[in-house]
Amino acid sequence: MKYIMSLIIALLFIGCSQEVPPTKKYILDIEIPKNVNNKFTCKEKSLKILSPYASYEYTTNNLYYVLDSQEGSYTQSAWAKAPATEIYALLLKNIRKSAIFATVENYTSISQGDINLEIDIQNFKQYFSSDEKHSYVIADITLSMVDKKTFTIIAQKNFYKKVITDSADAKGGVEALNKALAELLPEMIQWIGNSCR
């Protein structure tokens, strides 16, 4: 009996002493594209970018994936900041840089803005094949420009990218999501400039 108890205690200590590897934190690291040549500009108007609409999974730091129609999240990999926060910050920075509007304000500003930009993040995750050897990501975001005075939609467009990952792991997924967003951002800014009136 003493031997069994000693063995149990030893196993407990061994289990508790194992080090858990630190969680890798990933960011959306995108080089800001050059100014976009827009057909139209709204130099006399102000834009207010509203807080993005996104399901819970995109407002947390968890890095989600889909395998065999089941959703999960990585245990040793996560976002440094929630995807919704990062996407919002990138859009805000790029639209300001484009100089389409007189001013571009974030959702915390007390200014009303002439035009509101609504962001709907519908998909931003990694998908695995059944054998887990291959994966791809989908970035699916809808933008709506709303006239603040009449509350009517000026323009609306869905932006969608599917990118195959270089590796079927968290790092490959993040790199592919970065690539998808890097391709979408210039398209978004071009559309905003051309839709502005």
N, C-alpha and C. Protein backbone atom coordinates (compact mmCIF):
# COMPACT_ATOMS: atom_id res chain seq x y z
N MET A 1 0.83 -1.20 0.00
CA MET A 1 0.00 0.00 0.00
C MET A 1 0.86 1.25 0.00
N LYS A 2 1.95 1.23 0.81
CA LYS A 2 2.85 2.37 0.85
C LYS A 2 3.46 2.63 -0.52
N TYR A 3 3.77 1.55 -1.21
CA TYR A 3 4.38 1.67 -2.54
C TYR A 3 3.42 2.33 -3.52
N ILE A 4 2.16 1.94 -3.47
CA ILE A 4 1.15 2.50 -4.37
C ILE A 4 0.94 3.98 -4.09
N MET A 5 0.89 4.34 -2.79
CA MET A 5 0.71 5.74 -2.42
C MET A 5 1.90 6.58 -2.88
N SER A 6 3.10 6.04 -2.70
CA SER A 6 4.31 6.75 -3.12
C SER A 6 4.31 6.96 -4.64
N LEU A 7 3.88 5.95 -5.34
CA LEU A 7 3.81 6.03 -6.80
C LEU A 7 2.81 7.09 -7.25
N ILE A 8 1.65 7.13 -6.61
CA ILE A 8 0.62 8.12 -6.94
C ILE A 8 1.14 9.54 -6.68
N ILE A 9 1.78 9.74 -5.54
CA ILE A 9 2.32 11.06 -5.18
C ILE A 9 3.40 11.47 -6.18
N ALA A 10 4.25 10.52 -6.55
CA ALA A 10 5.33 10.82 -7.50
C ALA A 10 4.75 11.21 -8.86
N LEU A 11 3.73 10.49 -9.30
CA LEU A 11 3.10 10.81 -10.58
C LEU A 11 2.44 12.18 -10.55
N LEU A 12 1.84 12.54 -9.41
CA LEU A 12 1.22 13.85 -9.28
C LEU A 12 2.26 14.96 -9.40
N PHE A 13 3.41 14.77 -8.75
CA PHE A 13 4.47 15.78 -8.82
C PHE A 13 5.05 15.90 -10.23
N ILE A 14 5.19 14.76 -10.90
CA ILE A 14 5.71 14.78 -12.28
C ILE A 14 4.74 15.53 -13.19
N GLY A 15 3.45 15.26 -13.02
CA GLY A 15 2.43 15.92 -13.84
C GLY A 15 2.39 17.42 -13.59
N CYS A 16 2.59 17.85 -12.36
CA CYS A 16 2.55 19.27 -12.03
C CYS A 16 3.82 20.00 -12.45
N SER A 17 4.92 19.27 -12.57
CA SER A 17 6.19 19.94 -12.86
C SER A 17 6.44 20.14 -14.35
N GLN A 18 5.60 19.56 -15.20
CA GLN A 18 5.80 19.73 -16.63
C GLN A 18 5.50 21.16 -17.05
N GLU A 19 6.39 21.72 -17.84
CA GLU A 19 6.21 23.10 -18.28
C GLU A 19 5.24 23.15 -19.47
N VAL A 20 4.34 24.12 -19.40
CA VAL A 20 3.41 24.35 -20.50
C VAL A 20 4.06 25.38 -21.43
N PRO A 21 4.19 25.05 -22.71
CA PRO A 21 4.83 26.01 -23.62
C PRO A 21 4.03 27.31 -23.69
N PRO A 22 4.71 28.44 -23.83
CA PRO A 22 3.99 29.71 -23.89
C PRO A 22 3.14 29.82 -25.16
N THR A 23 2.06 30.56 -25.05
CA THR A 23 1.18 30.77 -26.19
C THR A 23 1.83 31.75 -27.17
N LYS A 24 1.85 31.38 -28.46
CA LYS A 24 2.36 32.29 -29.49
C LYS A 24 1.27 33.30 -29.81
N LYS A 25 1.64 34.57 -29.85
CA LYS A 25 0.69 35.65 -30.14
C LYS A 25 0.95 36.17 -31.54
N TYR A 26 -0.09 36.22 -32.35
CA TYR A 26 0.03 36.66 -33.73
C TYR A 26 -0.69 38.00 -33.94
N ILE A 27 -0.18 38.77 -34.90
CA ILE A 27 -0.80 40.05 -35.23
C ILE A 27 -1.12 40.10 -36.72
N LEU A 28 -2.00 41.02 -37.08
CA LEU A 28 -2.24 41.29 -38.50
C LEU A 28 -1.20 42.33 -38.89
N ASP A 29 -0.16 41.89 -39.54
CA ASP A 29 0.98 42.74 -39.88
C ASP A 29 0.96 43.03 -41.37
N ILE A 30 0.34 44.14 -41.73
CA ILE A 30 0.13 44.45 -43.15
C ILE A 30 0.80 45.78 -43.49
N GLU A 31 1.55 45.76 -44.55
CA GLU A 31 2.16 46.99 -45.04
C GLU A 31 1.07 47.87 -45.62
N ILE A 32 1.08 49.13 -45.21
CA ILE A 32 0.05 50.06 -45.67
C ILE A 32 0.22 50.29 -47.17
N PRO A 33 -0.82 50.06 -47.95
CA PRO A 33 -0.70 50.28 -49.40
C PRO A 33 -0.54 51.75 -49.74
N LYS A 34 -0.02 52.01 -50.93
CA LYS A 34 0.14 53.39 -51.38
C LYS A 34 -1.22 54.03 -51.58
N ASN A 35 -1.22 55.35 -51.64
CA ASN A 35 -2.48 56.07 -51.86
C ASN A 35 -3.17 55.54 -53.12
N VAL A 36 -4.46 55.39 -53.03
CA VAL A 36 -5.24 54.87 -54.15
C VAL A 36 -5.77 56.04 -54.98
N ASN A 37 -5.66 55.92 -56.29
CA ASN A 37 -6.22 56.95 -57.17
C ASN A 37 -7.72 56.75 -57.27
N ASN A 38 -8.46 57.70 -56.73
CA ASN A 38 -9.91 57.58 -56.71
C ASN A 38 -10.55 58.46 -57.77
N LYS A 39 -11.62 57.94 -58.35
CA LYS A 39 -12.36 58.70 -59.36
C LYS A 39 -13.05 59.90 -58.71
N PHE A 40 -13.52 59.70 -57.50
CA PHE A 40 -14.20 60.76 -56.77
C PHE A 40 -13.57 60.91 -55.39
N THR A 41 -13.70 62.09 -54.83
CA THR A 41 -13.27 62.31 -53.45
C THR A 41 -14.35 63.09 -52.74
N CYS A 42 -14.30 63.08 -51.44
CA CYS A 42 -15.27 63.80 -50.62
C CYS A 42 -14.53 64.75 -49.69
N LYS A 43 -13.72 65.61 -50.27
CA LYS A 43 -12.87 66.50 -49.47
C LYS A 43 -13.67 67.42 -48.56
N GLU A 44 -14.92 67.67 -48.92
CA GLU A 44 -15.74 68.57 -48.10
C GLU A 44 -16.55 67.84 -47.04
N LYS A 45 -16.44 66.51 -47.02
CA LYS A 45 -17.24 65.71 -46.07
C LYS A 45 -16.37 64.98 -45.06
N SER A 46 -17.01 64.60 -43.96
CA SER A 46 -16.31 63.84 -42.92
C SER A 46 -16.89 62.43 -42.85
N LEU A 47 -16.03 61.50 -42.53
CA LEU A 47 -16.44 60.09 -42.41
C LEU A 47 -16.25 59.64 -40.97
N LYS A 48 -17.25 58.94 -40.47
CA LYS A 48 -17.13 58.33 -39.14
C LYS A 48 -17.22 56.83 -39.32
N ILE A 49 -16.19 56.12 -38.85
CA ILE A 49 -16.17 54.66 -38.98
C ILE A 49 -16.74 54.06 -37.71
N LEU A 50 -17.87 53.41 -37.84
CA LEU A 50 -18.55 52.84 -36.67
C LEU A 50 -17.85 51.58 -36.18
N SER A 51 -18.11 51.24 -34.94
CA SER A 51 -17.55 50.02 -34.36
C SER A 51 -18.01 48.82 -35.19
N PRO A 52 -17.10 47.91 -35.52
CA PRO A 52 -17.48 46.81 -36.41
C PRO A 52 -18.47 45.84 -35.79
N TYR A 53 -19.34 45.33 -36.66
CA TYR A 53 -20.23 44.24 -36.23
C TYR A 53 -19.49 42.94 -36.51
N ALA A 54 -19.40 42.11 -35.49
CA ALA A 54 -18.72 40.82 -35.64
C ALA A 54 -19.25 39.86 -34.60
N SER A 55 -19.33 38.59 -34.94
CA SER A 55 -19.75 37.60 -33.96
C SER A 55 -18.67 37.47 -32.89
N TYR A 56 -19.03 36.86 -31.79
CA TYR A 56 -18.16 36.79 -30.60
C TYR A 56 -16.76 36.28 -30.93
N GLU A 57 -16.66 35.29 -31.79
CA GLU A 57 -15.36 34.68 -32.08
C GLU A 57 -14.33 35.66 -32.61
N TYR A 58 -14.78 36.74 -33.26
CA TYR A 58 -13.85 37.72 -33.81
C TYR A 58 -13.57 38.88 -32.86
N THR A 59 -14.21 38.86 -31.70
CA THR A 59 -13.97 39.90 -30.70
C THR A 59 -13.11 39.39 -29.55
N THR A 60 -12.61 38.17 -29.68
CA THR A 60 -11.72 37.60 -28.67
C THR A 60 -10.33 37.38 -29.28
N ASN A 61 -9.39 36.99 -28.45
CA ASN A 61 -8.03 36.74 -28.93
C ASN A 61 -7.85 35.31 -29.43
N ASN A 62 -8.88 34.50 -29.32
CA ASN A 62 -8.77 33.11 -29.77
C ASN A 62 -8.58 33.04 -31.28
N LEU A 63 -7.74 32.12 -31.70
CA LEU A 63 -7.47 31.90 -33.13
C LEU A 63 -8.29 30.69 -33.55
N TYR A 64 -9.39 30.95 -34.27
CA TYR A 64 -10.34 29.88 -34.60
C TYR A 64 -10.03 29.20 -35.93
N TYR A 65 -10.46 27.94 -36.02
CA TYR A 65 -10.34 27.17 -37.25
C TYR A 65 -11.56 26.26 -37.37
N VAL A 66 -11.75 25.68 -38.57
CA VAL A 66 -12.86 24.75 -38.80
C VAL A 66 -12.28 23.46 -39.37
N LEU A 67 -12.70 22.34 -38.79
CA LEU A 67 -12.29 21.01 -39.25
C LEU A 67 -13.51 20.10 -39.23
N ASP A 68 -13.83 19.52 -40.38
CA ASP A 68 -14.99 18.62 -40.50
C ASP A 68 -16.26 19.25 -39.94
N SER A 69 -16.53 20.48 -40.32
CA SER A 69 -17.72 21.23 -39.92
C SER A 69 -17.79 21.51 -38.43
N GLN A 70 -16.67 21.33 -37.73
CA GLN A 70 -16.62 21.64 -36.31
C GLN A 70 -15.62 22.77 -36.08
N GLU A 71 -16.02 23.73 -35.27
CA GLU A 71 -15.14 24.87 -34.99
C GLU A 71 -14.34 24.62 -33.71
N GLY A 72 -13.09 25.02 -33.73
CA GLY A 72 -12.24 24.92 -32.56
C GLY A 72 -11.30 26.10 -32.51
N SER A 73 -10.48 26.16 -31.47
CA SER A 73 -9.48 27.23 -31.39
C SER A 73 -8.16 26.63 -30.97
N TYR A 74 -7.08 27.21 -31.45
CA TYR A 74 -5.74 26.74 -31.09
C TYR A 74 -5.50 26.96 -29.60
N THR A 75 -4.78 26.02 -28.99
CA THR A 75 -4.49 26.14 -27.56
C THR A 75 -3.15 26.84 -27.30
N GLN A 76 -2.22 26.73 -28.23
CA GLN A 76 -0.89 27.33 -28.03
C GLN A 76 -0.65 28.53 -28.96
N SER A 77 -1.68 28.97 -29.65
CA SER A 77 -1.58 30.12 -30.54
C SER A 77 -2.81 31.00 -30.37
N ALA A 78 -2.60 32.31 -30.42
CA ALA A 78 -3.71 33.24 -30.26
C ALA A 78 -3.37 34.56 -30.94
N TRP A 79 -4.40 35.39 -31.11
CA TRP A 79 -4.18 36.74 -31.62
C TRP A 79 -3.67 37.62 -30.49
N ALA A 80 -2.78 38.55 -30.80
CA ALA A 80 -2.32 39.52 -29.80
C ALA A 80 -3.49 40.47 -29.47
N LYS A 81 -4.27 40.81 -30.50
CA LYS A 81 -5.49 41.61 -30.33
C LYS A 81 -6.59 40.93 -31.12
N ALA A 82 -7.81 41.15 -30.71
CA ALA A 82 -8.95 40.53 -31.41
C ALA A 82 -8.98 40.96 -32.87
N PRO A 83 -9.32 40.04 -33.80
CA PRO A 83 -9.37 40.38 -35.22
C PRO A 83 -10.24 41.60 -35.54
N ALA A 84 -11.39 41.72 -34.88
CA ALA A 84 -12.27 42.86 -35.14
C ALA A 84 -11.56 44.18 -34.82
N THR A 85 -10.79 44.20 -33.74
CA THR A 85 -10.05 45.39 -33.34
C THR A 85 -8.96 45.71 -34.36
N GLU A 86 -8.23 44.68 -34.79
CA GLU A 86 -7.14 44.87 -35.74
C GLU A 86 -7.65 45.32 -37.13
N ILE A 87 -8.70 44.69 -37.60
CA ILE A 87 -9.27 45.05 -38.91
C ILE A 87 -9.76 46.50 -38.88
N TYR A 88 -10.42 46.86 -37.79
CA TYR A 88 -10.91 48.24 -37.64
C TYR A 88 -9.75 49.24 -37.69
N ALA A 89 -8.69 48.97 -36.92
CA ALA A 89 -7.54 49.87 -36.86
C ALA A 89 -6.86 50.02 -38.23
N LEU A 90 -6.75 48.91 -38.96
CA LEU A 90 -6.14 48.96 -40.30
C LEU A 90 -6.99 49.77 -41.28
N LEU A 91 -8.30 49.57 -41.22
CA LEU A 91 -9.19 50.35 -42.10
C LEU A 91 -9.11 51.84 -41.78
N LEU A 92 -9.17 52.16 -40.49
CA LEU A 92 -9.10 53.56 -40.06
C LEU A 92 -7.80 54.22 -40.54
N LYS A 93 -6.69 53.55 -40.34
CA LYS A 93 -5.38 54.10 -40.72
C LYS A 93 -5.27 54.29 -42.23
N ASN A 94 -5.72 53.30 -42.98
CA ASN A 94 -5.62 53.36 -44.44
C ASN A 94 -6.56 54.39 -45.06
N ILE A 95 -7.76 54.50 -44.53
CA ILE A 95 -8.70 55.49 -45.07
C ILE A 95 -8.20 56.90 -44.77
N ARG A 96 -7.64 57.10 -43.58
CA ARG A 96 -7.06 58.41 -43.27
C ARG A 96 -5.91 58.73 -44.23
N LYS A 97 -5.08 57.73 -44.50
CA LYS A 97 -3.94 57.93 -45.38
C LYS A 97 -4.38 58.25 -46.81
N SER A 98 -5.51 57.71 -47.23
CA SER A 98 -5.98 57.92 -48.60
C SER A 98 -6.41 59.36 -48.87
N ALA A 99 -6.72 60.10 -47.81
CA ALA A 99 -7.12 61.52 -47.92
C ALA A 99 -8.34 61.72 -48.81
N ILE A 100 -9.27 60.80 -48.77
CA ILE A 100 -10.50 60.91 -49.55
C ILE A 100 -11.43 61.95 -48.91
N PHE A 101 -11.45 61.96 -47.57
CA PHE A 101 -12.37 62.81 -46.81
C PHE A 101 -11.63 63.96 -46.13
N ALA A 102 -12.41 64.98 -45.75
CA ALA A 102 -11.83 66.09 -45.01
C ALA A 102 -11.30 65.59 -43.67
N THR A 103 -12.10 64.76 -43.00
CA THR A 103 -11.68 64.14 -41.74
C THR A 103 -12.23 62.72 -41.68
N VAL A 104 -11.53 61.88 -40.94
CA VAL A 104 -11.98 60.51 -40.70
C VAL A 104 -11.89 60.27 -39.20
N GLU A 105 -13.04 60.01 -38.58
CA GLU A 105 -13.10 59.85 -37.13
C GLU A 105 -13.44 58.42 -36.75
N ASN A 106 -12.96 58.01 -35.58
CA ASN A 106 -13.30 56.66 -35.10
C ASN A 106 -14.61 56.70 -34.31
N TYR A 107 -15.06 55.53 -33.92
CA TYR A 107 -16.40 55.43 -33.30
C TYR A 107 -16.49 56.09 -31.93
N THR A 108 -15.35 56.38 -31.29
CA THR A 108 -15.39 57.03 -29.97
C THR A 108 -15.52 58.54 -30.07
N SER A 109 -15.37 59.09 -31.27
CA SER A 109 -15.44 60.54 -31.46
C SER A 109 -16.87 61.05 -31.22
N ILE A 110 -16.96 62.24 -30.65
CA ILE A 110 -18.28 62.84 -30.41
C ILE A 110 -18.83 63.49 -31.68
N SER A 111 -17.99 63.64 -32.71
CA SER A 111 -18.46 64.23 -33.97
C SER A 111 -19.43 63.27 -34.65
N GLN A 112 -20.37 63.85 -35.36
CA GLN A 112 -21.40 63.04 -36.01
C GLN A 112 -20.94 62.48 -37.35
N GLY A 113 -20.21 63.28 -38.11
CA GLY A 113 -19.77 62.82 -39.44
C GLY A 113 -20.89 62.97 -40.46
N ASP A 114 -20.51 63.22 -41.71
CA ASP A 114 -21.50 63.32 -42.78
C ASP A 114 -21.89 61.93 -43.30
N ILE A 115 -20.90 61.04 -43.30
CA ILE A 115 -21.12 59.67 -43.77
C ILE A 115 -20.61 58.70 -42.71
N ASN A 116 -21.39 57.68 -42.45
CA ASN A 116 -20.97 56.62 -41.54
C ASN A 116 -20.53 55.40 -42.36
N LEU A 117 -19.46 54.77 -41.91
CA LEU A 117 -19.03 53.53 -42.55
C LEU A 117 -19.28 52.38 -41.58
N GLU A 118 -20.10 51.44 -42.02
CA GLU A 118 -20.40 50.25 -41.21
C GLU A 118 -19.55 49.08 -41.70
N ILE A 119 -19.01 48.32 -40.77
CA ILE A 119 -18.15 47.18 -41.08
C ILE A 119 -18.79 45.92 -40.51
N ASP A 120 -19.01 44.95 -41.37
CA ASP A 120 -19.60 43.68 -40.94
C ASP A 120 -18.61 42.56 -41.26
N ILE A 121 -17.97 42.03 -40.22
CA ILE A 121 -16.99 40.94 -40.40
C ILE A 121 -17.75 39.62 -40.34
N GLN A 122 -17.90 38.98 -41.50
CA GLN A 122 -18.71 37.77 -41.58
C GLN A 122 -17.88 36.49 -41.44
N ASN A 123 -16.63 36.57 -41.88
CA ASN A 123 -15.77 35.38 -41.77
C ASN A 123 -14.31 35.83 -41.77
N PHE A 124 -13.53 35.21 -40.92
CA PHE A 124 -12.11 35.52 -40.85
C PHE A 124 -11.42 34.38 -40.11
N LYS A 125 -11.41 33.20 -40.77
CA LYS A 125 -10.83 32.04 -40.09
C LYS A 125 -10.24 31.03 -41.05
N GLN A 126 -9.64 29.99 -40.49
CA GLN A 126 -8.92 28.97 -41.24
C GLN A 126 -9.77 27.70 -41.33
N TYR A 127 -9.68 27.04 -42.49
CA TYR A 127 -10.44 25.80 -42.73
C TYR A 127 -9.47 24.68 -43.11
N PHE A 128 -9.62 23.53 -42.46
CA PHE A 128 -8.75 22.39 -42.70
C PHE A 128 -9.45 21.30 -43.52
N SER A 129 -8.64 20.58 -44.31
CA SER A 129 -9.14 19.38 -45.00
C SER A 129 -9.33 18.30 -43.95
N SER A 130 -10.07 17.26 -44.30
CA SER A 130 -10.36 16.18 -43.35
C SER A 130 -9.11 15.50 -42.81
N ASP A 131 -8.08 15.40 -43.64
CA ASP A 131 -6.84 14.76 -43.19
C ASP A 131 -5.89 15.73 -42.47
N GLU A 132 -6.31 16.99 -42.36
CA GLU A 132 -5.55 18.04 -41.68
C GLU A 132 -4.20 18.37 -42.33
N LYS A 133 -4.03 17.95 -43.59
CA LYS A 133 -2.76 18.20 -44.28
C LYS A 133 -2.79 19.50 -45.08
N HIS A 134 -3.98 19.99 -45.35
CA HIS A 134 -4.12 21.21 -46.14
C HIS A 134 -5.12 22.14 -45.48
N SER A 135 -4.95 23.43 -45.74
CA SER A 135 -5.91 24.39 -45.21
C SER A 135 -5.95 25.65 -46.07
N TYR A 136 -7.00 26.41 -45.86
CA TYR A 136 -7.15 27.71 -46.52
C TYR A 136 -7.85 28.64 -45.55
N VAL A 137 -7.82 29.92 -45.85
CA VAL A 137 -8.52 30.89 -45.01
C VAL A 137 -9.54 31.64 -45.85
N ILE A 138 -10.53 32.18 -45.17
CA ILE A 138 -11.53 33.03 -45.82
C ILE A 138 -11.62 34.33 -45.04
N ALA A 139 -11.52 35.44 -45.79
CA ALA A 139 -11.78 36.77 -45.24
C ALA A 139 -13.01 37.30 -45.97
N ASP A 140 -14.05 37.57 -45.22
CA ASP A 140 -15.33 37.98 -45.81
C ASP A 140 -15.87 39.16 -45.01
N ILE A 141 -15.81 40.34 -45.61
CA ILE A 141 -16.18 41.57 -44.90
C ILE A 141 -17.08 42.41 -45.80
N THR A 142 -18.18 42.91 -45.25
CA THR A 142 -19.09 43.78 -45.99
C THR A 142 -19.00 45.20 -45.43
N LEU A 143 -18.86 46.17 -46.34
CA LEU A 143 -18.84 47.58 -45.96
C LEU A 143 -20.11 48.26 -46.45
N SER A 144 -20.64 49.15 -45.63
CA SER A 144 -21.81 49.94 -46.01
C SER A 144 -21.55 51.40 -45.70
N MET A 145 -21.77 52.27 -46.70
CA MET A 145 -21.66 53.71 -46.49
C MET A 145 -23.07 54.27 -46.31
N VAL A 146 -23.28 54.96 -45.19
CA VAL A 146 -24.61 55.44 -44.83
C VAL A 146 -24.61 56.96 -44.71
N ASP A 147 -25.56 57.59 -45.39
CA ASP A 147 -25.73 59.04 -45.28
C ASP A 147 -26.29 59.35 -43.90
N LYS A 148 -25.56 60.17 -43.15
CA LYS A 148 -25.94 60.44 -41.76
C LYS A 148 -27.24 61.25 -41.65
N LYS A 149 -27.50 62.11 -42.63
CA LYS A 149 -28.71 62.95 -42.55
C LYS A 149 -29.97 62.16 -42.85
N THR A 150 -29.92 61.32 -43.88
CA THR A 150 -31.12 60.61 -44.30
C THR A 150 -31.17 59.16 -43.81
N PHE A 151 -30.05 58.68 -43.26
CA PHE A 151 -29.93 57.29 -42.80
C PHE A 151 -30.22 56.29 -43.91
N THR A 152 -29.87 56.67 -45.13
CA THR A 152 -30.01 55.76 -46.27
C THR A 152 -28.63 55.26 -46.69
N ILE A 153 -28.61 54.07 -47.25
CA ILE A 153 -27.35 53.47 -47.68
C ILE A 153 -26.93 54.10 -49.02
N ILE A 154 -25.74 54.69 -49.02
CA ILE A 154 -25.18 55.27 -50.24
C ILE A 154 -24.65 54.15 -51.14
N ALA A 155 -23.93 53.22 -50.52
CA ALA A 155 -23.35 52.10 -51.26
C ALA A 155 -23.03 50.97 -50.29
N GLN A 156 -23.03 49.76 -50.82
CA GLN A 156 -22.71 48.58 -50.01
C GLN A 156 -22.00 47.56 -50.88
N LYS A 157 -20.97 46.94 -50.33
CA LYS A 157 -20.25 45.93 -51.10
C LYS A 157 -19.64 44.88 -50.18
N ASN A 158 -19.66 43.65 -50.68
CA ASN A 158 -19.02 42.54 -49.97
C ASN A 158 -17.63 42.31 -50.54
N PHE A 159 -16.64 42.16 -49.65
CA PHE A 159 -15.26 41.90 -50.04
C PHE A 159 -14.88 40.51 -49.54
N TYR A 160 -14.49 39.66 -50.47
CA TYR A 160 -14.28 38.24 -50.14
C TYR A 160 -12.95 37.76 -50.74
N LYS A 161 -12.17 37.07 -49.92
CA LYS A 161 -10.93 36.45 -50.41
C LYS A 161 -10.77 35.07 -49.77
N LYS A 162 -10.38 34.12 -50.61
CA LYS A 162 -10.01 32.79 -50.14
C LYS A 162 -8.55 32.58 -50.51
N VAL A 163 -7.72 32.24 -49.52
CA VAL A 163 -6.29 32.09 -49.75
C VAL A 163 -5.83 30.74 -49.20
N ILE A 164 -5.12 29.98 -50.02
CA ILE A 164 -4.54 28.70 -49.59
C ILE A 164 -3.34 28.99 -48.69
N THR A 165 -3.21 28.25 -47.61
CA THR A 165 -2.10 28.46 -46.68
C THR A 165 -0.85 27.73 -47.16
N ASP A 166 0.31 28.27 -46.80
CA ASP A 166 1.58 27.60 -47.12
C ASP A 166 1.83 26.42 -46.20
N SER A 167 1.26 26.47 -45.00
CA SER A 167 1.39 25.36 -44.05
C SER A 167 0.08 25.20 -43.29
N ALA A 168 -0.28 23.96 -42.99
CA ALA A 168 -1.55 23.67 -42.33
C ALA A 168 -1.37 23.77 -40.81
N ASP A 169 -1.12 24.98 -40.34
CA ASP A 169 -0.97 25.23 -38.90
C ASP A 169 -1.36 26.67 -38.61
N ALA A 170 -1.22 27.08 -37.36
CA ALA A 170 -1.63 28.43 -36.97
C ALA A 170 -0.83 29.49 -37.72
N LYS A 171 0.47 29.30 -37.82
CA LYS A 171 1.33 30.27 -38.51
C LYS A 171 0.90 30.43 -39.97
N GLY A 172 0.65 29.31 -40.65
CA GLY A 172 0.20 29.36 -42.03
C GLY A 172 -1.13 30.07 -42.17
N GLY A 173 -2.03 29.84 -41.22
CA GLY A 173 -3.34 30.49 -41.23
C GLY A 173 -3.22 32.00 -41.07
N VAL A 174 -2.40 32.43 -40.12
CA VAL A 174 -2.21 33.87 -39.89
C VAL A 174 -1.58 34.54 -41.10
N GLU A 175 -0.57 33.91 -41.68
CA GLU A 175 0.09 34.47 -42.87
C GLU A 175 -0.90 34.62 -44.02
N ALA A 176 -1.76 33.63 -44.20
CA ALA A 176 -2.76 33.68 -45.28
C ALA A 176 -3.82 34.75 -45.01
N LEU A 177 -4.22 34.91 -43.75
CA LEU A 177 -5.19 35.96 -43.41
C LEU A 177 -4.59 37.34 -43.62
N ASN A 178 -3.31 37.49 -43.30
CA ASN A 178 -2.61 38.74 -43.58
C ASN A 178 -2.62 39.04 -45.08
N LYS A 179 -2.34 38.01 -45.87
CA LYS A 179 -2.31 38.17 -47.33
C LYS A 179 -3.69 38.55 -47.86
N ALA A 180 -4.72 37.87 -47.36
CA ALA A 180 -6.09 38.17 -47.81
C ALA A 180 -6.46 39.61 -47.50
N LEU A 181 -6.15 40.06 -46.29
CA LEU A 181 -6.50 41.42 -45.89
C LEU A 181 -5.66 42.45 -46.65
N ALA A 182 -4.40 42.12 -46.92
CA ALA A 182 -3.54 43.03 -47.70
C ALA A 182 -4.08 43.23 -49.10
N GLU A 183 -4.73 42.20 -49.66
CA GLU A 183 -5.33 42.31 -50.99
C GLU A 183 -6.67 43.05 -50.94
N LEU A 184 -7.40 42.88 -49.84
CA LEU A 184 -8.72 43.50 -49.72
C LEU A 184 -8.66 44.99 -49.41
N LEU A 185 -7.70 45.41 -48.59
CA LEU A 185 -7.65 46.81 -48.16
C LEU A 185 -7.62 47.81 -49.32
N PRO A 186 -6.74 47.64 -50.31
CA PRO A 186 -6.76 48.59 -51.43
C PRO A 186 -8.09 48.58 -52.19
N GLU A 187 -8.69 47.39 -52.32
CA GLU A 187 -9.99 47.29 -52.99
C GLU A 187 -11.05 48.06 -52.21
N MET A 188 -11.01 47.95 -50.89
CA MET A 188 -11.97 48.64 -50.04
C MET A 188 -11.83 50.16 -50.17
N ILE A 189 -10.61 50.63 -50.11
CA ILE A 189 -10.38 52.07 -50.19
C ILE A 189 -10.75 52.61 -51.56
N GLN A 190 -10.44 51.87 -52.61
CA GLN A 190 -10.84 52.26 -53.96
C GLN A 190 -12.35 52.37 -54.07
N TRP A 191 -13.04 51.40 -53.52
CA TRP A 191 -14.50 51.39 -53.57
C TRP A 191 -15.08 52.55 -52.77
N ILE A 192 -14.53 52.81 -51.58
CA ILE A 192 -15.01 53.93 -50.76
C ILE A 192 -14.85 55.25 -51.52
N GLY A 193 -13.68 55.44 -52.14
CA GLY A 193 -13.45 56.66 -52.91
C GLY A 193 -14.38 56.82 -54.08
N ASN A 194 -14.64 55.72 -54.79
CA ASN A 194 -15.51 55.76 -55.96
C ASN A 194 -16.99 55.87 -55.60
N SER A 195 -17.34 55.43 -54.37
CA SER A 195 -18.74 55.46 -53.94
C SER A 195 -19.10 56.76 -53.22
N CYS A 196 -18.11 57.51 -52.85
CA CYS A 196 -18.32 58.73 -52.06
C CYS A 196 -19.07 59.76 -52.89
N ARG A 197 -20.10 60.35 -52.31
CA ARG A 197 -20.84 61.44 -52.97
C ARG A 197 -21.58 62.27 -51.94
